[in-house]
């Protein structure tokens, strides 16, 4: 049985092109980056200099989910590679969680 990372994921990922604002508490760094995919459990954020951040680091994130709808919360860095960082959502309010679920459903339905 192949050890495919996709098989281990709890949530299906949907491709997106979202501008995400990030704040890293460890360095008080603000960053605007682009998410490459999203799931109900987390997202992959394309960014240069990702190696400055390590697994376990908490990041505050925010992005628009349509007109006047803002998703905001906290996430934990779970993966770092040369293309960006993978984060797992750890603190989202109910509205943000529902908006993310809606984005994933729409993107997956669109193929």
Protein backbone atom coordinates (compact mmCIF):
# COMPACT_ATOMS: atom_id res chain seq x y z
CA UNK A 1 0.00 0.00 0.00
CA UNK A 2 1.60 3.31 -1.04
CA UNK A 3 2.18 5.93 1.64
CA UNK A 4 0.33 8.71 -0.18
CA UNK A 5 -0.04 11.88 1.94
CA UNK A 6 -3.39 12.55 0.26
CA UNK A 7 -4.73 9.27 1.69
CA UNK A 8 -3.87 10.38 5.24
CA UNK A 9 -5.76 13.69 5.05
CA UNK A 10 -9.00 14.02 7.00
CA UNK A 11 -10.46 16.64 4.66
CA UNK A 12 -10.50 17.00 0.87
CA UNK A 13 -8.50 19.95 -0.43
CA UNK A 14 -9.86 22.40 -2.98
CA UNK A 15 -7.64 24.58 -5.19
CA UNK A 16 -8.01 28.31 -4.51
CA UNK A 17 -6.34 31.58 -5.30
CA UNK A 18 -6.99 33.63 -2.16
CA UNK A 19 -4.99 36.54 -0.76
CA UNK A 20 -4.30 35.78 2.90
CA UNK A 21 -2.96 38.17 5.52
CA UNK A 22 -0.74 36.47 8.08
CA UNK A 23 0.77 37.57 11.36
CA UNK A 24 3.46 35.43 12.96
CA UNK A 25 3.65 35.98 16.70
CA UNK A 26 7.22 34.74 16.97
CA UNK A 27 8.64 37.62 14.93
CA UNK A 28 5.72 40.08 14.84
CA UNK A 29 5.91 39.74 11.07
CA UNK A 30 2.99 40.67 8.84
CA UNK A 31 2.77 38.99 5.47
CA UNK A 32 0.37 38.97 2.55
CA UNK A 33 0.48 35.71 0.63
CA UNK A 34 -1.61 33.56 -1.67
CA UNK A 35 -3.30 30.33 -0.61
CA UNK A 36 -2.93 27.49 -3.09
CA UNK A 37 -5.49 25.15 -1.60
CA UNK A 38 -7.90 24.95 1.31
CA UNK A 39 -9.80 22.30 3.24
CA UNK A 40 -12.07 22.36 6.26
CA UNK A 41 -8.99 21.56 8.34
CA UNK A 42 -6.36 23.92 6.95
CA UNK A 43 -4.69 25.47 3.93
CA UNK A 44 -1.43 25.66 1.99
CA UNK A 45 -0.06 29.18 1.67
CA UNK A 46 2.47 29.92 -1.07
CA UNK A 47 5.18 32.20 0.25
CA UNK A 48 8.86 32.85 -0.21
CA UNK A 49 11.02 32.59 2.88
CA UNK A 50 8.85 29.88 4.37
CA UNK A 51 11.94 28.36 5.96
CA UNK A 52 11.90 31.21 8.50
CA UNK A 53 8.91 29.51 10.12
CA UNK A 54 8.75 26.11 11.76
CA UNK A 55 6.16 23.47 12.53
CA UNK A 56 4.17 24.25 15.66
CA UNK A 57 4.32 28.01 15.18
CA UNK A 58 0.95 29.76 15.58
CA UNK A 59 -0.13 32.26 12.94
CA UNK A 60 -3.10 34.63 12.89
CA UNK A 61 -4.73 34.69 9.47
CA UNK A 62 -7.43 36.62 7.68
CA UNK A 63 -8.89 36.52 4.17
CA UNK A 64 -11.95 37.68 2.25
CA UNK A 65 -14.64 35.13 1.47
CA UNK A 66 -16.81 37.21 -0.82
CA UNK A 67 -18.11 40.72 -0.43
CA UNK A 68 -17.90 41.91 3.16
CA UNK A 69 -17.28 38.41 4.50
CA UNK A 70 -14.07 37.96 6.40
CA UNK A 71 -12.58 34.69 7.60
CA UNK A 72 -10.24 35.14 10.53
CA UNK A 73 -8.67 32.89 13.09
CA UNK A 74 -5.53 31.12 14.19
CA UNK A 75 -3.66 28.25 12.62
CA UNK A 76 -0.66 26.09 13.46
CA UNK A 77 2.15 25.58 10.95
CA UNK A 78 2.29 21.84 10.26
CA UNK A 79 4.49 21.72 7.17
CA UNK A 80 7.18 23.91 5.65
CA UNK A 81 8.68 23.41 2.20
CA UNK A 82 10.35 25.58 -0.41
CA UNK A 83 6.99 26.56 -1.90
CA UNK A 84 5.24 27.69 1.27
CA UNK A 85 3.65 26.54 4.50
CA UNK A 86 0.84 24.17 5.36
CA UNK A 87 -1.32 25.27 8.28
CA UNK A 88 -4.00 23.55 10.33
CA UNK A 89 -6.86 25.71 11.61
CA UNK A 90 -6.87 25.71 15.42
CA UNK A 91 -9.18 28.59 16.30
CA UNK A 92 -12.04 29.76 14.08
CA UNK A 93 -15.37 31.29 15.03
CA UNK A 94 -18.51 29.57 13.74
CA UNK A 95 -19.01 32.08 10.91
CA UNK A 96 -15.45 31.63 9.64
CA UNK A 97 -15.75 27.84 9.82
CA UNK A 98 -18.99 27.91 7.81
CA UNK A 99 -17.47 30.24 5.21
CA UNK A 100 -14.54 27.87 4.76
CA UNK A 101 -16.89 24.90 4.38
CA UNK A 102 -18.82 26.87 1.74
CA UNK A 103 -15.63 27.78 -0.18
CA UNK A 104 -14.48 24.15 -0.19
CA UNK A 105 -17.88 22.83 -1.38
CA UNK A 106 -18.11 25.40 -4.18
CA UNK A 107 -14.54 24.85 -5.39
CA UNK A 108 -14.82 21.04 -5.31
CA UNK A 109 -18.18 21.14 -7.13
CA UNK A 110 -16.67 23.39 -9.80
CA UNK A 111 -13.94 20.81 -10.35
